[in-house]
């Protein structure tokens, strides 16, 4: 498991957890209930990267195509 996954499952508790915003506690609850199953997605397979990162032209359009966007 990655550190983010430990936090979502509640396995990792440390001093910073008390500063987590209450609106995000639902995520941990849903993971515990089994409603959500967090998985790791490699950056090459992450379509949202072009929305959150500055990418070169080729990776930008690759992500846009994965997200269903085109120039047409």
C-alpha atoms as a PDB file:
ATOM      1  CA  UNK A   1       0.000   0.000   0.000  1.00  0.00           C
ATOM      2  CA  UNK A   2       1.069   3.554  -0.662  1.00  0.00           C
ATOM      3  CA  UNK A   3       1.035   6.112   2.182  1.00  0.00           C
ATOM      4  CA  UNK A   4      -2.113   7.715   0.754  1.00  0.00           C
ATOM      5  CA  UNK A   5      -3.875   4.353   0.809  1.00  0.00           C
ATOM      6  CA  UNK A   6      -2.850   3.785   4.435  1.00  0.00           C
ATOM      7  CA  UNK A   7      -4.381   7.134   5.330  1.00  0.00           C
ATOM      8  CA  UNK A   8      -7.641   6.284   3.561  1.00  0.00           C
ATOM      9  CA  UNK A   9      -7.943   2.915   5.299  1.00  0.00           C
ATOM     10  CA  UNK A  10      -7.089   4.387   8.694  1.00  0.00           C
ATOM     11  CA  UNK A  11      -3.994   2.206   9.136  1.00  0.00           C
ATOM     12  CA  UNK A  12      -1.672   5.184   9.400  1.00  0.00           C
ATOM     13  CA  UNK A  13      -2.344   7.606  12.214  1.00  0.00           C
ATOM     14  CA  UNK A  14      -0.060  10.471  13.101  1.00  0.00           C
ATOM     15  CA  UNK A  15      -0.218  14.016  14.374  1.00  0.00           C
ATOM     16  CA  UNK A  16      -1.193  15.465  11.008  1.00  0.00           C
ATOM     17  CA  UNK A  17      -4.437  13.456  10.889  1.00  0.00           C
ATOM     18  CA  UNK A  18      -6.044  15.771  13.428  1.00  0.00           C
ATOM     19  CA  UNK A  19      -5.675  18.613  10.922  1.00  0.00           C
ATOM     20  CA  UNK A  20      -7.534  16.777   8.159  1.00  0.00           C
ATOM     21  CA  UNK A  21     -10.635  18.684   7.137  1.00  0.00           C
ATOM     22  CA  UNK A  22     -13.849  17.101   8.298  1.00  0.00           C
ATOM     23  CA  UNK A  23     -15.302  17.092   4.790  1.00  0.00           C
ATOM     24  CA  UNK A  24     -12.712  14.450   3.795  1.00  0.00           C
ATOM     25  CA  UNK A  25     -13.539  12.008   6.608  1.00  0.00           C
ATOM     26  CA  UNK A  26     -16.303  10.513   4.457  1.00  0.00           C
ATOM     27  CA  UNK A  27     -13.593   9.052   2.209  1.00  0.00           C
ATOM     28  CA  UNK A  28     -12.055   7.039   5.033  1.00  0.00           C
ATOM     29  CA  UNK A  29     -15.540   5.897   6.086  1.00  0.00           C
ATOM     30  CA  UNK A  30     -16.468   4.733   2.569  1.00  0.00           C
ATOM     31  CA  UNK A  31     -13.187   2.814   2.226  1.00  0.00           C
ATOM     32  CA  UNK A  32     -13.840   1.058   5.544  1.00  0.00           C
ATOM     33  CA  UNK A  33     -17.387   0.193   4.439  1.00  0.00           C
ATOM     34  CA  UNK A  34     -16.015  -1.278   1.208  1.00  0.00           C
ATOM     35  CA  UNK A  35     -17.880   1.200  -1.000  1.00  0.00           C
ATOM     36  CA  UNK A  36     -14.586   2.506  -2.411  1.00  0.00           C
ATOM     37  CA  UNK A  37     -11.434   0.544  -3.164  1.00  0.00           C
ATOM     38  CA  UNK A  38      -8.459   2.883  -3.681  1.00  0.00           C
ATOM     39  CA  UNK A  39      -5.979   1.758  -6.317  1.00  0.00           C
ATOM     40  CA  UNK A  40      -2.700   3.174  -7.589  1.00  0.00           C
ATOM     41  CA  UNK A  41      -2.824   4.554 -11.133  1.00  0.00           C
ATOM     42  CA  UNK A  42       0.482   5.148 -12.905  1.00  0.00           C
ATOM     43  CA  UNK A  43       0.925   8.660 -14.254  1.00  0.00           C
ATOM     44  CA  UNK A  44       1.053   7.304 -17.833  1.00  0.00           C
ATOM     45  CA  UNK A  45      -2.476   5.935 -17.348  1.00  0.00           C
ATOM     46  CA  UNK A  46      -3.934   8.968 -15.545  1.00  0.00           C
ATOM     47  CA  UNK A  47      -6.111  11.009 -17.934  1.00  0.00           C
ATOM     48  CA  UNK A  48      -6.531  13.901 -15.477  1.00  0.00           C
ATOM     49  CA  UNK A  49      -2.801  14.729 -15.522  1.00  0.00           C
ATOM     50  CA  UNK A  50      -3.268  17.310 -18.280  1.00  0.00           C
ATOM     51  CA  UNK A  51      -5.685  19.171 -16.006  1.00  0.00           C
ATOM     52  CA  UNK A  52      -3.378  19.221 -12.983  1.00  0.00           C
ATOM     53  CA  UNK A  53       0.161  19.288 -14.413  1.00  0.00           C
ATOM     54  CA  UNK A  54       2.097  21.233 -16.986  1.00  0.00           C
ATOM     55  CA  UNK A  55       2.868  18.656 -19.672  1.00  0.00           C
ATOM     56  CA  UNK A  56       4.739  18.717 -22.954  1.00  0.00           C
ATOM     57  CA  UNK A  57       2.538  18.708 -26.056  1.00  0.00           C
ATOM     58  CA  UNK A  58       2.565  14.947 -26.736  1.00  0.00           C
ATOM     59  CA  UNK A  59       1.714  13.844 -23.163  1.00  0.00           C
ATOM     60  CA  UNK A  60      -0.902  16.622 -22.977  1.00  0.00           C
ATOM     61  CA  UNK A  61      -2.793  15.391 -26.045  1.00  0.00           C
ATOM     62  CA  UNK A  62      -2.376  11.743 -25.011  1.00  0.00           C
ATOM     63  CA  UNK A  63      -4.095  12.524 -21.694  1.00  0.00           C
ATOM     64  CA  UNK A  64      -6.748  14.614 -23.435  1.00  0.00           C
ATOM     65  CA  UNK A  65      -7.532  11.713 -25.799  1.00  0.00           C
ATOM     66  CA  UNK A  66      -7.767   9.307 -22.833  1.00  0.00           C
ATOM     67  CA  UNK A  67     -10.260  11.734 -21.275  1.00  0.00           C
ATOM     68  CA  UNK A  68     -12.311  11.706 -24.498  1.00  0.00           C
ATOM     69  CA  UNK A  69     -11.317  15.180 -25.696  1.00  0.00           C
ATOM     70  CA  UNK A  70     -10.128  16.166 -29.174  1.00  0.00           C
ATOM     71  CA  UNK A  71      -9.806  19.201 -31.426  1.00  0.00           C
ATOM     72  CA  UNK A  72     -12.757  18.125 -33.601  1.00  0.00           C
END
